[in-house]
Amino acid sequence: MSKIEIELAPVLEEFLESQVEAGLYKSVADAIESAVRREYDGEDVRIEAIRAALAPGLADIEAGRTRELSLDEILAKARGGAPARE
């Protein structure tokens, strides 16, 4: 295992020390490792959520259910309204 030195804001340092004092972790290093591991594990969950959100659109593309939109139509759809008419 490698060693990394970091500087923390005092409030974060105090928080980590309080976690150790409360018996939740054996050391500040363990608390930090736990936080990093949760973030690392959560990345897979976020990626899967993005894939799931994209799946219906990708299925439509593969099935040929597409149509071209103008920039105005795209922007209007993003804003929740009707496209501006010239």
Protein backbone atom coordinates (compact mmCIF):
# COMPACT_ATOMS: atom_id res chain seq x y z
CA MET A 1 0.00 0.00 0.00
CA SER A 2 1.32 3.45 -0.85
CA LYS A 3 1.39 6.49 1.37
CA ILE A 4 -0.15 9.80 0.28
CA GLU A 5 0.06 13.03 2.21
CA ILE A 6 -2.86 15.45 2.03
CA GLU A 7 -3.76 18.74 3.65
CA LEU A 8 -7.29 19.12 4.95
CA ALA A 9 -9.28 22.12 6.04
CA PRO A 10 -9.39 22.25 9.84
CA VAL A 11 -13.11 21.49 9.91
CA LEU A 12 -12.53 18.28 7.92
CA GLU A 13 -9.62 17.27 10.10
CA GLU A 14 -11.76 17.79 13.21
CA PHE A 15 -14.57 15.76 11.67
CA LEU A 16 -12.26 12.84 10.88
CA GLU A 17 -10.74 12.94 14.35
CA SER A 18 -14.23 12.92 15.89
CA GLN A 19 -15.07 9.82 13.84
CA VAL A 20 -12.01 8.07 15.22
CA GLU A 21 -12.76 9.22 18.80
CA ALA A 22 -16.31 7.89 18.42
CA GLY A 23 -14.85 4.48 17.58
CA LEU A 24 -16.10 4.39 14.00
CA TYR A 25 -12.58 4.05 12.62
CA LYS A 26 -9.23 2.91 14.02
CA SER A 27 -7.43 5.92 12.55
CA VAL A 28 -7.89 9.02 10.42
CA ALA A 29 -6.25 7.11 7.56
CA ASP A 30 -8.92 4.39 7.86
CA ALA A 31 -11.67 7.03 7.77
CA ILE A 32 -10.20 8.61 4.65
CA GLU A 33 -9.74 5.23 2.98
CA SER A 34 -13.37 4.39 3.72
CA ALA A 35 -14.55 7.66 2.15
CA VAL A 36 -12.43 7.11 -0.95
CA ARG A 37 -13.65 3.52 -1.25
CA ARG A 38 -17.31 4.66 -1.05
CA GLU A 39 -16.65 7.20 -3.81
CA TYR A 40 -14.87 4.58 -5.91
CA ASP A 41 -17.70 2.05 -5.47
CA GLY A 42 -20.31 4.71 -6.20
CA GLU A 43 -18.71 5.46 -9.55
CA ASP A 44 -19.93 2.10 -10.92
CA VAL A 45 -23.46 2.89 -9.75
CA ARG A 46 -23.39 6.29 -11.49
CA ILE A 47 -22.08 4.77 -14.72
CA GLU A 48 -24.81 2.13 -14.70
CA ALA A 49 -27.45 4.81 -14.09
CA ILE A 50 -26.17 6.76 -17.10
CA ARG A 51 -26.22 3.61 -19.25
CA ALA A 52 -29.78 2.86 -18.14
CA ALA A 53 -30.88 6.41 -18.97
CA LEU A 54 -29.30 6.21 -22.42
CA ALA A 55 -30.63 2.73 -23.26
CA PRO A 56 -34.08 3.76 -24.57
CA GLY A 57 -32.58 6.39 -26.87
CA LEU A 58 -29.94 4.00 -28.17
CA ALA A 59 -32.64 1.39 -28.81
CA ASP A 60 -34.62 3.98 -30.79
CA ILE A 61 -31.54 4.81 -32.87
CA GLU A 62 -30.84 1.12 -33.57
CA ALA A 63 -34.50 0.61 -34.58
CA GLY A 64 -34.42 3.62 -36.89
CA ARG A 65 -36.86 5.64 -34.80
CA THR A 66 -35.13 8.97 -35.29
CA ARG A 67 -35.83 12.31 -36.91
CA GLU A 68 -33.77 15.40 -37.54
CA LEU A 69 -34.38 18.47 -35.41
CA SER A 70 -33.30 22.04 -35.99
CA LEU A 71 -31.24 23.81 -33.34
CA ASP A 72 -34.34 25.85 -32.42
CA GLU A 73 -36.35 22.67 -31.91
CA ILE A 74 -33.62 21.14 -29.73
CA LEU A 75 -33.34 24.26 -27.60
CA ALA A 76 -37.11 24.58 -27.27
CA LYS A 77 -37.41 20.96 -26.23
CA ALA A 78 -34.63 21.43 -23.66
CA ARG A 79 -36.44 24.51 -22.29
CA GLY A 80 -39.80 22.72 -22.25
CA GLY A 81 -41.50 24.97 -24.78
CA ALA A 82 -42.38 25.24 -28.44
CA PRO A 83 -39.77 26.32 -31.01
CA ALA A 84 -39.70 29.95 -32.02
CA ARG A 85 -41.33 30.67 -35.40
CA GLU A 86 -39.71 32.99 -37.91
